[in-house]
Amino acid sequence: MKAAQDRQKSYADLRRSEIEFYVGDKLRDYISDLSHVMEIENIELHEQLTYEEVPKEILDIKVRKTRNGEVALVKILWSNHKVEEATWEKEASMREKYPHLFH
């Protein structure tokens, strides 16, 4: 068991060093370009330095079958997030919290 753990650890260390070398190598070759600068979106912060995630729209709807029945899901696009970061949420809880999304 100990030998297997040691092999696993040495493999992980080897992979980590390969990744660090690759990233370091790429950063060294990077040429600065002003078109690579990203725009920062304005996010309204509360006094406690927090912000509220608000759903913007429903992107998709599906029904997932489980052992005990079916669960309706909706894919939600959240404020301050991109489409790639949308999440699947239970339709019932979203209807309860945000009825305005379902017209």
PDB file of N, CA and C in Angstrom:
ATOM      1  N   MET A   1       0.833  -1.184   0.000  1.00  0.00           N
ATOM      2  CA  MET A   1       0.000   0.000   0.000  1.00  0.00           C
ATOM      3  C   MET A   1       0.883   1.255   0.000  1.00  0.00           C
ATOM      4  N   LYS A   2       1.936   1.251   0.830  1.00  0.00           N
ATOM      5  CA  LYS A   2       2.827   2.404   0.927  1.00  0.00           C
ATOM      6  C   LYS A   2       3.539   2.637  -0.409  1.00  0.00           C
ATOM      7  N   ALA A   3       3.962   1.558  -1.065  1.00  0.00           N
ATOM      8  CA  ALA A   3       4.658   1.676  -2.341  1.00  0.00           C
ATOM      9  C   ALA A   3       3.740   2.290  -3.394  1.00  0.00           C
ATOM     10  N   ALA A   4       2.462   1.884  -3.395  1.00  0.00           N
ATOM     11  CA  ALA A   4       1.500   2.439  -4.354  1.00  0.00           C
ATOM     12  C   ALA A   4       1.285   3.923  -4.106  1.00  0.00           C
ATOM     13  N   GLN A   5       1.215   4.320  -2.824  1.00  0.00           N
ATOM     14  CA  GLN A   5       1.050   5.742  -2.493  1.00  0.00           C
ATOM     15  C   GLN A   5       2.271   6.544  -2.927  1.00  0.00           C
ATOM     16  N   ASP A   6       3.467   5.983  -2.716  1.00  0.00           N
ATOM     17  CA  ASP A   6       4.690   6.671  -3.118  1.00  0.00           C
ATOM     18  C   ASP A   6       4.747   6.852  -4.630  1.00  0.00           C
ATOM     19  N   ARG A   7       4.342   5.796  -5.385  1.00  0.00           N
ATOM     20  CA  ARG A   7       4.315   5.913  -6.850  1.00  0.00           C
ATOM     21  C   ARG A   7       3.326   6.991  -7.282  1.00  0.00           C
ATOM     22  N   GLN A   8       2.164   6.988  -6.625  1.00  0.00           N
ATOM     23  CA  GLN A   8       1.145   7.977  -6.958  1.00  0.00           C
ATOM     24  C   GLN A   8       1.663   9.388  -6.691  1.00  0.00           C
ATOM     25  N   LYS A   9       2.322   9.566  -5.554  1.00  0.00           N
ATOM     26  CA  LYS A   9       2.850  10.876  -5.185  1.00  0.00           C
ATOM     27  C   LYS A   9       3.932  11.314  -6.166  1.00  0.00           C
ATOM     28  N   SER A  10       4.842  10.394  -6.522  1.00  0.00           N
ATOM     29  CA  SER A  10       5.918  10.771  -7.441  1.00  0.00           C
ATOM     30  C   SER A  10       5.347  11.080  -8.823  1.00  0.00           C
ATOM     31  N   TYR A  11       4.299  10.368  -9.259  1.00  0.00           N
ATOM     32  CA  TYR A  11       3.671  10.671 -10.541  1.00  0.00           C
ATOM     33  C   TYR A  11       3.036  12.055 -10.497  1.00  0.00           C
ATOM     34  N   ALA A  12       2.342  12.381  -9.379  1.00  0.00           N
ATOM     35  CA  ALA A  12       1.716  13.694  -9.234  1.00  0.00           C
ATOM     36  C   ALA A  12       2.773  14.790  -9.241  1.00  0.00           C
ATOM     37  N   ASP A  13       3.890  14.560  -8.549  1.00  0.00           N
ATOM     38  CA  ASP A  13       4.979  15.548  -8.544  1.00  0.00           C
ATOM     39  C   ASP A  13       5.550  15.738  -9.940  1.00  0.00           C
ATOM     40  N   LEU A  14       5.702  14.657 -10.676  1.00  0.00           N
ATOM     41  CA  LEU A  14       6.220  14.729 -12.045  1.00  0.00           C
ATOM     42  C   LEU A  14       5.276  15.530 -12.929  1.00  0.00           C
ATOM     43  N   ARG A  15       3.968  15.247 -12.856  1.00  0.00           N
ATOM     44  CA  ARG A  15       2.981  15.975 -13.666  1.00  0.00           C
ATOM     45  C   ARG A  15       2.975  17.456 -13.307  1.00  0.00           C
ATOM     46  N   ARG A  16       3.050  17.768 -11.994  1.00  0.00           N
ATOM     47  CA  ARG A  16       3.033  19.154 -11.546  1.00  0.00           C
ATOM     48  C   ARG A  16       4.253  19.894 -12.100  1.00  0.00           C
ATOM     49  N   SER A  17       5.422  19.264 -12.068  1.00  0.00           N
ATOM     50  CA  SER A  17       6.622  19.938 -12.576  1.00  0.00           C
ATOM     51  C   SER A  17       6.533  20.133 -14.095  1.00  0.00           C
ATOM     52  N   GLU A  18       5.931  19.163 -14.816  1.00  0.00           N
ATOM     53  CA  GLU A  18       5.749  19.320 -16.261  1.00  0.00           C
ATOM     54  C   GLU A  18       4.830  20.508 -16.563  1.00  0.00           C
ATOM     55  N   ILE A  19       3.759  20.630 -15.807  1.00  0.00           N
ATOM     56  CA  ILE A  19       2.806  21.723 -16.018  1.00  0.00           C
ATOM     57  C   ILE A  19       3.456  23.061 -15.682  1.00  0.00           C
ATOM     58  N   GLU A  20       4.181  23.120 -14.554  1.00  0.00           N
ATOM     59  CA  GLU A  20       4.857  24.354 -14.167  1.00  0.00           C
ATOM     60  C   GLU A  20       5.873  24.764 -15.230  1.00  0.00           C
ATOM     61  N   PHE A  21       6.604  23.790 -15.784  1.00  0.00           N
ATOM     62  CA  PHE A  21       7.578  24.093 -16.826  1.00  0.00           C
ATOM     63  C   PHE A  21       6.879  24.628 -18.074  1.00  0.00           C
ATOM     64  N   TYR A  22       5.772  23.974 -18.473  1.00  0.00           N
ATOM     65  CA  TYR A  22       5.040  24.384 -19.664  1.00  0.00           C
ATOM     66  C   TYR A  22       4.503  25.810 -19.507  1.00  0.00           C
ATOM     67  N   VAL A  23       3.857  26.099 -18.365  1.00  0.00           N
ATOM     68  CA  VAL A  23       3.292  27.431 -18.134  1.00  0.00           C
ATOM     69  C   VAL A  23       4.400  28.469 -18.071  1.00  0.00           C
ATOM     70  N   GLY A  24       5.472  28.163 -17.345  1.00  0.00           N
ATOM     71  CA  GLY A  24       6.599  29.098 -17.244  1.00  0.00           C
ATOM     72  C   GLY A  24       7.204  29.380 -18.611  1.00  0.00           C
ATOM     73  N   ASP A  25       7.315  28.344 -19.430  1.00  0.00           N
ATOM     74  CA  ASP A  25       7.864  28.483 -20.776  1.00  0.00           C
ATOM     75  C   ASP A  25       6.972  29.381 -21.636  1.00  0.00           C
ATOM     76  N   LYS A  26       5.657  29.193 -21.543  1.00  0.00           N
ATOM     77  CA  LYS A  26       4.717  30.009 -22.320  1.00  0.00           C
ATOM     78  C   LYS A  26       4.744  31.463 -21.857  1.00  0.00           C
ATOM     79  N   LEU A  27       4.815  31.682 -20.554  1.00  0.00           N
ATOM     80  CA  LEU A  27       4.854  33.057 -20.053  1.00  0.00           C
ATOM     81  C   LEU A  27       6.122  33.772 -20.487  1.00  0.00           C
ATOM     82  N   ARG A  28       7.228  33.052 -20.555  1.00  0.00           N
ATOM     83  CA  ARG A  28       8.491  33.650 -20.968  1.00  0.00           C
ATOM     84  C   ARG A  28       8.419  34.104 -22.432  1.00  0.00           C
ATOM     85  N   ASP A  29       7.676  33.349 -23.259  1.00  0.00           N
ATOM     86  CA  ASP A  29       7.566  33.669 -24.679  1.00  0.00           C
ATOM     87  C   ASP A  29       6.479  34.697 -24.976  1.00  0.00           C
ATOM     88  N   TYR A  30       5.715  35.105 -23.983  1.00  0.00           N
ATOM     89  CA  TYR A  30       4.589  36.015 -24.202  1.00  0.00           C
ATOM     90  C   TYR A  30       5.078  37.390 -24.630  1.00  0.00           C
ATOM     91  N   ILE A  31       4.435  37.939 -25.661  1.00  0.00           N
ATOM     92  CA  ILE A  31       4.734  39.289 -26.134  1.00  0.00           C
ATOM     93  C   ILE A  31       3.556  40.169 -25.762  1.00  0.00           C
ATOM     94  N   SER A  32       3.827  41.231 -25.052  1.00  0.00           N
ATOM     95  CA  SER A  32       2.771  42.126 -24.580  1.00  0.00           C
ATOM     96  C   SER A  32       1.990  42.699 -25.756  1.00  0.00           C
ATOM     97  N   ASP A  33       0.660  42.747 -25.598  1.00  0.00           N
ATOM     98  CA  ASP A  33      -0.215  43.265 -26.637  1.00  0.00           C
ATOM     99  C   ASP A  33      -1.385  43.966 -25.955  1.00  0.00           C
ATOM    100  N   LEU A  34      -1.607  45.243 -26.253  1.00  0.00           N
ATOM    101  CA  LEU A  34      -2.670  46.003 -25.612  1.00  0.00           C
ATOM    102  C   LEU A  34      -4.060  45.470 -25.935  1.00  0.00           C
ATOM    103  N   SER A  35      -4.212  44.734 -27.027  1.00  0.00           N
ATOM    104  CA  SER A  35      -5.526  44.172 -27.358  1.00  0.00           C
ATOM    105  C   SER A  35      -5.891  43.010 -26.428  1.00  0.00           C
ATOM    106  N   HIS A  36      -4.937  42.517 -25.642  1.00  0.00           N
ATOM    107  CA  HIS A  36      -5.202  41.423 -24.711  1.00  0.00           C
ATOM    108  C   HIS A  36      -5.762  41.911 -23.377  1.00  0.00           C
ATOM    109  N   VAL A  37      -5.871  43.224 -23.186  1.00  0.00           N
ATOM    110  CA  VAL A  37      -6.377  43.765 -21.931  1.00  0.00           C
ATOM    111  C   VAL A  37      -7.876  43.503 -21.856  1.00  0.00           C
ATOM    112  N   MET A  38      -8.335  42.990 -20.715  1.00  0.00           N
ATOM    113  CA  MET A  38      -9.746  42.671 -20.539  1.00  0.00           C
ATOM    114  C   MET A  38     -10.470  43.824 -19.874  1.00  0.00           C
ATOM    115  N   GLU A  39     -11.693  44.056 -20.321  1.00  0.00           N
ATOM    116  CA  GLU A  39     -12.546  45.071 -19.705  1.00  0.00           C
ATOM    117  C   GLU A  39     -13.117  44.510 -18.404  1.00  0.00           C
ATOM    118  N   ILE A  40     -13.121  45.308 -17.365  1.00  0.00           N
ATOM    119  CA  ILE A  40     -13.689  44.881 -16.094  1.00  0.00           C
ATOM    120  C   ILE A  40     -15.104  45.418 -16.002  1.00  0.00           C
ATOM    121  N   GLU A  41     -16.059  44.513 -15.718  1.00  0.00           N
ATOM    122  CA  GLU A  41     -17.444  44.933 -15.581  1.00  0.00           C
ATOM    123  C   GLU A  41     -17.642  45.595 -14.221  1.00  0.00           C
ATOM    124  N   ASN A  42     -18.549  46.557 -14.185  1.00  0.00           N
ATOM    125  CA  ASN A  42     -18.880  47.168 -12.903  1.00  0.00           C
ATOM    126  C   ASN A  42     -19.800  46.243 -12.129  1.00  0.00           C
ATOM    127  N   ILE A  43     -19.422  45.951 -10.905  1.00  0.00           N
ATOM    128  CA  ILE A  43     -20.228  45.123 -10.027  1.00  0.00           C
ATOM    129  C   ILE A  43     -20.568  45.956  -8.805  1.00  0.00           C
ATOM    130  N   GLU A  44     -21.857  46.082  -8.522  1.00  0.00           N
ATOM    131  CA  GLU A  44     -22.275  46.850  -7.359  1.00  0.00           C
ATOM    132  C   GLU A  44     -22.062  46.026  -6.101  1.00  0.00           C
ATOM    133  N   LEU A  45     -21.281  46.576  -5.164  1.00  0.00           N
ATOM    134  CA  LEU A  45     -21.008  45.888  -3.910  1.00  0.00           C
ATOM    135  C   LEU A  45     -21.824  46.495  -2.784  1.00  0.00           C
ATOM    136  N   HIS A  46     -22.281  45.645  -1.877  1.00  0.00           N
ATOM    137  CA  HIS A  46     -22.970  46.102  -0.685  1.00  0.00           C
ATOM    138  C   HIS A  46     -21.926  46.589   0.324  1.00  0.00           C
ATOM    139  N   GLU A  47     -22.372  47.155   1.421  1.00  0.00           N
ATOM    140  CA  GLU A  47     -21.451  47.646   2.444  1.00  0.00           C
ATOM    141  C   GLU A  47     -20.544  46.542   2.974  1.00  0.00           C
ATOM    142  N   GLN A  48     -21.046  45.317   3.026  1.00  0.00           N
ATOM    143  CA  GLN A  48     -20.257  44.195   3.541  1.00  0.00           C
ATOM    144  C   GLN A  48     -19.333  43.620   2.470  1.00  0.00           C
ATOM    145  N   LEU A  49     -19.173  44.334   1.353  1.00  0.00           N
ATOM    146  CA  LEU A  49     -18.342  43.911   0.223  1.00  0.00           C
ATOM    147  C   LEU A  49     -18.838  42.595  -0.374  1.00  0.00           C
ATOM    148  N   THR A  50     -20.159  42.465  -0.465  1.00  0.00           N
ATOM    149  CA  THR A  50     -20.770  41.316  -1.114  1.00  0.00           C
ATOM    150  C   THR A  50     -21.661  41.822  -2.242  1.00  0.00           C
ATOM    151  N   TYR A  51     -22.055  40.947  -3.130  1.00  0.00           N
ATOM    152  CA  TYR A  51     -23.001  41.293  -4.177  1.00  0.00           C
ATOM    153  C   TYR A  51     -23.985  40.153  -4.348  1.00  0.00           C
ATOM    154  N   GLU A  52     -25.148  40.489  -4.868  1.00  0.00           N
ATOM    155  CA  GLU A  52     -26.203  39.499  -5.022  1.00  0.00           C
ATOM    156  C   GLU A  52     -26.220  38.975  -6.452  1.00  0.00           C
ATOM    157  N   GLU A  53     -26.235  37.655  -6.562  1.00  0.00           N
ATOM    158  CA  GLU A  53     -26.378  37.026  -7.876  1.00  0.00           C
ATOM    159  C   GLU A  53     -27.855  37.029  -8.224  1.00  0.00           C
ATOM    160  N   VAL A  54     -28.187  37.581  -9.376  1.00  0.00           N
ATOM    161  CA  VAL A  54     -29.571  37.663  -9.816  1.00  0.00           C
ATOM    162  C   VAL A  54     -29.679  36.968 -11.167  1.00  0.00           C
ATOM    163  N   PRO A  55     -30.675  36.100 -11.324  1.00  0.00           N
ATOM    164  CA  PRO A  55     -30.827  35.441 -12.622  1.00  0.00           C
ATOM    165  C   PRO A  55     -31.320  36.432 -13.672  1.00  0.00           C
ATOM    166  N   LYS A  56     -30.695  36.395 -14.852  1.00  0.00           N
ATOM    167  CA  LYS A  56     -31.086  37.294 -15.927  1.00  0.00           C
ATOM    168  C   LYS A  56     -32.122  36.659 -16.845  1.00  0.00           C
ATOM    169  N   GLU A  57     -31.881  35.395 -17.203  1.00  0.00           N
ATOM    170  CA  GLU A  57     -32.827  34.728 -18.101  1.00  0.00           C
ATOM    171  C   GLU A  57     -32.664  33.216 -18.057  1.00  0.00           C
ATOM    172  N   ILE A  58     -33.676  32.534 -18.564  1.00  0.00           N
ATOM    173  CA  ILE A  58     -33.645  31.081 -18.679  1.00  0.00           C
ATOM    174  C   ILE A  58     -33.155  30.746 -20.086  1.00  0.00           C
ATOM    175  N   LEU A  59     -32.099  29.951 -20.153  1.00  0.00           N
ATOM    176  CA  LEU A  59     -31.518  29.597 -21.447  1.00  0.00           C
ATOM    177  C   LEU A  59     -32.071  28.292 -22.009  1.00  0.00           C
ATOM    178  N   ASP A  60     -32.450  27.363 -21.115  1.00  0.00           N
ATOM    179  CA  ASP A  60     -32.891  26.048 -21.577  1.00  0.00           C
ATOM    180  C   ASP A  60     -33.725  25.386 -20.478  1.00  0.00           C
ATOM    181  N   ILE A  61     -34.516  24.411 -20.860  1.00  0.00           N
ATOM    182  CA  ILE A  61     -35.345  23.655 -19.920  1.00  0.00           C
ATOM    183  C   ILE A  61     -35.199  22.181 -20.267  1.00  0.00           C
ATOM    184  N   LYS A  62     -35.099  21.331 -19.231  1.00  0.00           N
ATOM    185  CA  LYS A  62     -35.063  19.885 -19.482  1.00  0.00           C
ATOM    186  C   LYS A  62     -35.636  19.159 -18.278  1.00  0.00           C
ATOM    187  N   VAL A  63     -35.991  17.904 -18.483  1.00  0.00           N
ATOM    188  CA  VAL A  63     -36.518  17.060 -17.416  1.00  0.00           C
ATOM    189  C   VAL A  63     -35.551  15.900 -17.238  1.00  0.00           C
ATOM    190  N   ARG A  64     -35.064  15.733 -16.016  1.00  0.00           N
ATOM    191  CA  ARG A  64     -34.138  14.644 -15.716  1.00  0.00           C
ATOM    192  C   ARG A  64     -34.900  13.549 -14.977  1.00  0.00           C
ATOM    193  N   LYS A  65     -34.747  12.329 -15.463  1.00  0.00           N
ATOM    194  CA  LYS A  65     -35.428  11.193 -14.835  1.00  0.00           C
ATOM    195  C   LYS A  65     -34.550  10.654 -13.712  1.00  0.00           C
ATOM    196  N   THR A  66     -35.183  10.403 -12.570  1.00  0.00           N
ATOM    197  CA  THR A  66     -34.494   9.822 -11.423  1.00  0.00           C
ATOM    198  C   THR A  66     -35.193   8.521 -11.048  1.00  0.00           C
ATOM    199  N   ARG A  67     -34.695   7.839 -10.033  1.00  0.00           N
ATOM    200  CA  ARG A  67     -35.333   6.594  -9.588  1.00  0.00           C
ATOM    201  C   ARG A  67     -36.744   6.845  -9.080  1.00  0.00           C
ATOM    202  N   ASN A  68     -36.921   8.005  -8.428  1.00  0.00           N
ATOM    203  CA  ASN A  68     -38.209   8.303  -7.791  1.00  0.00           C
ATOM    204  C   ASN A  68     -39.148   9.134  -8.659  1.00  0.00           C
ATOM    205  N   GLY A  69     -38.790   9.443  -9.865  1.00  0.00           N
ATOM    206  CA  GLY A  69     -39.665  10.240 -10.716  1.00  0.00           C
ATOM    207  C   GLY A  69     -38.880  11.119 -11.666  1.00  0.00           C
ATOM    208  N   GLU A  70     -39.369  12.317 -11.854  1.00  0.00           N
ATOM    209  CA  GLU A  70     -38.741  13.263 -12.771  1.00  0.00           C
ATOM    210  C   GLU A  70     -38.526  14.599 -12.077  1.00  0.00           C
ATOM    211  N   VAL A  71     -37.455  15.309 -12.471  1.00  0.00           N
ATOM    212  CA  VAL A  71     -37.154  16.623 -11.920  1.00  0.00           C
ATOM    213  C   VAL A  71     -37.012  17.593 -13.087  1.00  0.00           C
ATOM    214  N   ALA A  72     -37.793  18.660 -13.061  1.00  0.00           N
ATOM    215  CA  ALA A  72     -37.700  19.684 -14.099  1.00  0.00           C
ATOM    216  C   ALA A  72     -36.558  20.635 -13.742  1.00  0.00           C
ATOM    217  N   LEU A  73     -35.681  20.884 -14.719  1.00  0.00           N
ATOM    218  CA  LEU A  73     -34.536  21.762 -14.519  1.00  0.00           C
ATOM    219  C   LEU A  73     -34.563  22.910 -15.519  1.00  0.00           C
ATOM    220  N   VAL A  74     -34.006  24.043 -15.112  1.00  0.00           N
ATOM    221  CA  VAL A  74     -33.858  25.187 -16.021  1.00  0.00           C
ATOM    222  C   VAL A  74     -32.406  25.632 -15.978  1.00  0.00           C
ATOM    223  N   LYS A  75     -31.884  26.015 -17.137  1.00  0.00           N
ATOM    224  CA  LYS A  75     -30.511  26.518 -17.224  1.00  0.00           C
ATOM    225  C   LYS A  75     -30.581  28.032 -17.085  1.00  0.00           C
ATOM    226  N   ILE A  76     -29.939  28.563 -16.032  1.00  0.00           N
ATOM    227  CA  ILE A  76     -30.048  29.968 -15.678  1.00  0.00           C
ATOM    228  C   ILE A  76     -28.778  30.727 -16.031  1.00  0.00           C
ATOM    229  N   LEU A  77     -28.958  31.857 -16.699  1.00  0.00           N
ATOM    230  CA  LEU A  77     -27.862  32.803 -16.927  1.00  0.00           C
ATOM    231  C   LEU A  77     -27.905  33.816 -15.798  1.00  0.00           C
ATOM    232  N   TRP A  78     -26.843  33.912 -15.027  1.00  0.00           N
ATOM    233  CA  TRP A  78     -26.782  34.791 -13.867  1.00  0.00           C
ATOM    234  C   TRP A  78     -26.139  36.121 -14.230  1.00  0.00           C
ATOM    235  N   SER A  79     -26.507  37.163 -13.481  1.00  0.00           N
ATOM    236  CA  SER A  79     -25.888  38.474 -13.687  1.00  0.00           C
ATOM    237  C   SER A  79     -24.395  38.361 -13.394  1.00  0.00           C
ATOM    238  N   ASN A  80     -23.616  39.146 -14.068  1.00  0.00           N
ATOM    239  CA  ASN A  80     -22.149  39.187 -13.910  1.00  0.00           C
ATOM    240  C   ASN A  80     -21.461  37.892 -14.341  1.00  0.00           C
ATOM    241  N   HIS A  81     -22.140  37.053 -15.132  1.00  0.00           N
ATOM    242  CA  HIS A  81     -21.541  35.812 -15.611  1.00  0.00           C
ATOM    243  C   HIS A  81     -21.771  35.671 -17.105  1.00  0.00           C
ATOM    244  N   LYS A  82     -20.936  34.865 -17.734  1.00  0.00           N
ATOM    245  CA  LYS A  82     -21.057  34.596 -19.159  1.00  0.00           C
ATOM    246  C   LYS A  82     -21.962  33.384 -19.383  1.00  0.00           C
ATOM    247  N   VAL A  83     -22.387  33.188 -20.619  1.00  0.00           N
ATOM    248  CA  VAL A  83     -23.270  32.068 -20.962  1.00  0.00           C
ATOM    249  C   VAL A  83     -22.612  30.735 -20.592  1.00  0.00           C
ATOM    250  N   GLU A  84     -21.305  30.634 -20.754  1.00  0.00           N
ATOM    251  CA  GLU A  84     -20.599  29.389 -20.436  1.00  0.00           C
ATOM    252  C   GLU A  84     -20.687  29.048 -18.952  1.00  0.00           C
ATOM    253  N   GLU A  85     -20.992  30.023 -18.121  1.00  0.00           N
ATOM    254  CA  GLU A  85     -21.050  29.810 -16.675  1.00  0.00           C
ATOM    255  C   GLU A  85     -22.479  29.617 -16.160  1.00  0.00           C
ATOM    256  N   ALA A  86     -23.435  29.455 -17.071  1.00  0.00           N
ATOM    257  CA  ALA A  86     -24.830  29.236 -16.676  1.00  0.00           C
ATOM    258  C   ALA A  86     -24.941  27.920 -15.923  1.00  0.00           C
ATOM    259  N   THR A  87     -25.902  27.847 -14.992  1.00  0.00           N
ATOM    260  CA  THR A  87     -26.049  26.653 -14.162  1.00  0.00           C
ATOM    261  C   THR A  87     -27.449  26.066 -14.294  1.00  0.00           C
ATOM    262  N   TRP A  88     -27.544  24.761 -14.060  1.00  0.00           N
ATOM    263  CA  TRP A  88     -28.830  24.078 -14.047  1.00  0.00           C
ATOM    264  C   TRP A  88     -29.381  24.129 -12.634  1.00  0.00           C
ATOM    265  N   GLU A  89     -30.624  24.577 -12.504  1.00  0.00           N
ATOM    266  CA  GLU A  89     -31.287  24.706 -11.203  1.00  0.00           C
ATOM    267  C   GLU A  89     -32.654  24.024 -11.279  1.00  0.00           C
ATOM    268  N   LYS A  90     -33.178  23.627 -10.120  1.00  0.00           N
ATOM    269  CA  LYS A  90     -34.510  23.026 -10.087  1.00  0.00           C
ATOM    270  C   LYS A  90     -35.543  24.089 -10.449  1.00  0.00           C
ATOM    271  N   GLU A  91     -36.428  23.737 -11.378  1.00  0.00           N
ATOM    272  CA  GLU A  91     -37.444  24.684 -11.836  1.00  0.00           C
ATOM    273  C   GLU A  91     -38.346  25.135 -10.689  1.00  0.00           C
ATOM    274  N   ALA A  92     -38.745  24.220  -9.825  1.00  0.00           N
ATOM    275  CA  ALA A  92     -39.671  24.565  -8.744  1.00  0.00           C
ATOM    276  C   ALA A  92     -39.095  25.634  -7.821  1.00  0.00           C
ATOM    277  N   SER A  93     -37.834  25.487  -7.438  1.00  0.00           N
ATOM    278  CA  SER A  93     -37.240  26.484  -6.535  1.00  0.00           C
ATOM    279  C   SER A  93     -37.025  27.823  -7.237  1.00  0.00           C
ATOM    280  N   MET A  94     -36.712  27.792  -8.523  1.00  0.00           N
ATOM    281  CA  MET A  94     -36.533  29.039  -9.272  1.00  0.00           C
ATOM    282  C   MET A  94     -37.874  29.751  -9.462  1.00  0.00           C
ATOM    283  N   ARG A  95     -38.947  28.980  -9.697  1.00  0.00           N
ATOM    284  CA  ARG A  95     -40.293  29.585  -9.818  1.00  0.00           C
ATOM    285  C   ARG A  95     -40.689  30.267  -8.513  1.00  0.00           C
ATOM    286  N   GLU A  96     -40.335  29.639  -7.393  1.00  0.00           N
ATOM    287  CA  GLU A  96     -40.677  30.190  -6.085  1.00  0.00           C
ATOM    288  C   GLU A  96     -39.896  31.482  -5.802  1.00  0.00           C
ATOM    289  N   LYS A  97     -38.602  31.468  -6.083  1.00  0.00           N
ATOM    290  CA  LYS A  97     -37.755  32.628  -5.767  1.00  0.00           C
ATOM    291  C   LYS A  97     -37.874  33.749  -6.806  1.00  0.00           C
ATOM    292  N   TYR A  98     -37.970  33.368  -8.087  1.00  0.00           N
ATOM    293  CA  TYR A  98     -37.940  34.351  -9.179  1.00  0.00           C
ATOM    294  C   TYR A  98     -39.094  34.118 -10.160  1.00  0.00           C
ATOM    295  N   PRO A  99     -40.332  34.361  -9.745  1.00  0.00           N
ATOM    296  CA  PRO A  99     -41.479  34.092 -10.628  1.00  0.00           C
ATOM    297  C   PRO A  99     -41.468  34.935 -11.907  1.00  0.00           C
ATOM    298  N   HIS A 100     -40.797  36.090 -11.877  1.00  0.00           N
ATOM    299  CA  HIS A 100     -40.773  36.964 -13.058  1.00  0.00           C
ATOM    300  C   HIS A 100     -40.046  36.335 -14.247  1.00  0.00           C
ATOM    301  N   LEU A 101     -39.215  35.316 -14.011  1.00  0.00           N
ATOM    302  CA  LEU A 101     -38.510  34.649 -15.117  1.00  0.00           C
ATOM    303  C   LEU A 101     -39.453  33.789 -15.960  1.00  0.00           C
ATOM    304  N   PHE A 102     -40.564  33.387 -15.378  1.00  0.00           N
ATOM    305  CA  PHE A 102     -41.496  32.476 -16.029  1.00  0.00           C
ATOM    306  C   PHE A 102     -42.763  33.256 -16.436  1.00  0.00           C
ATOM    307  N   HIS A 103     -42.777  33.807 -17.640  1.00  0.00           N
ATOM    308  CA  HIS A 103     -43.974  34.542 -18.060  1.00  0.00           C
ATOM    309  C   HIS A 103     -44.775  33.756 -19.046  1.00  0.00           C
TER     310      HIS A 103
END
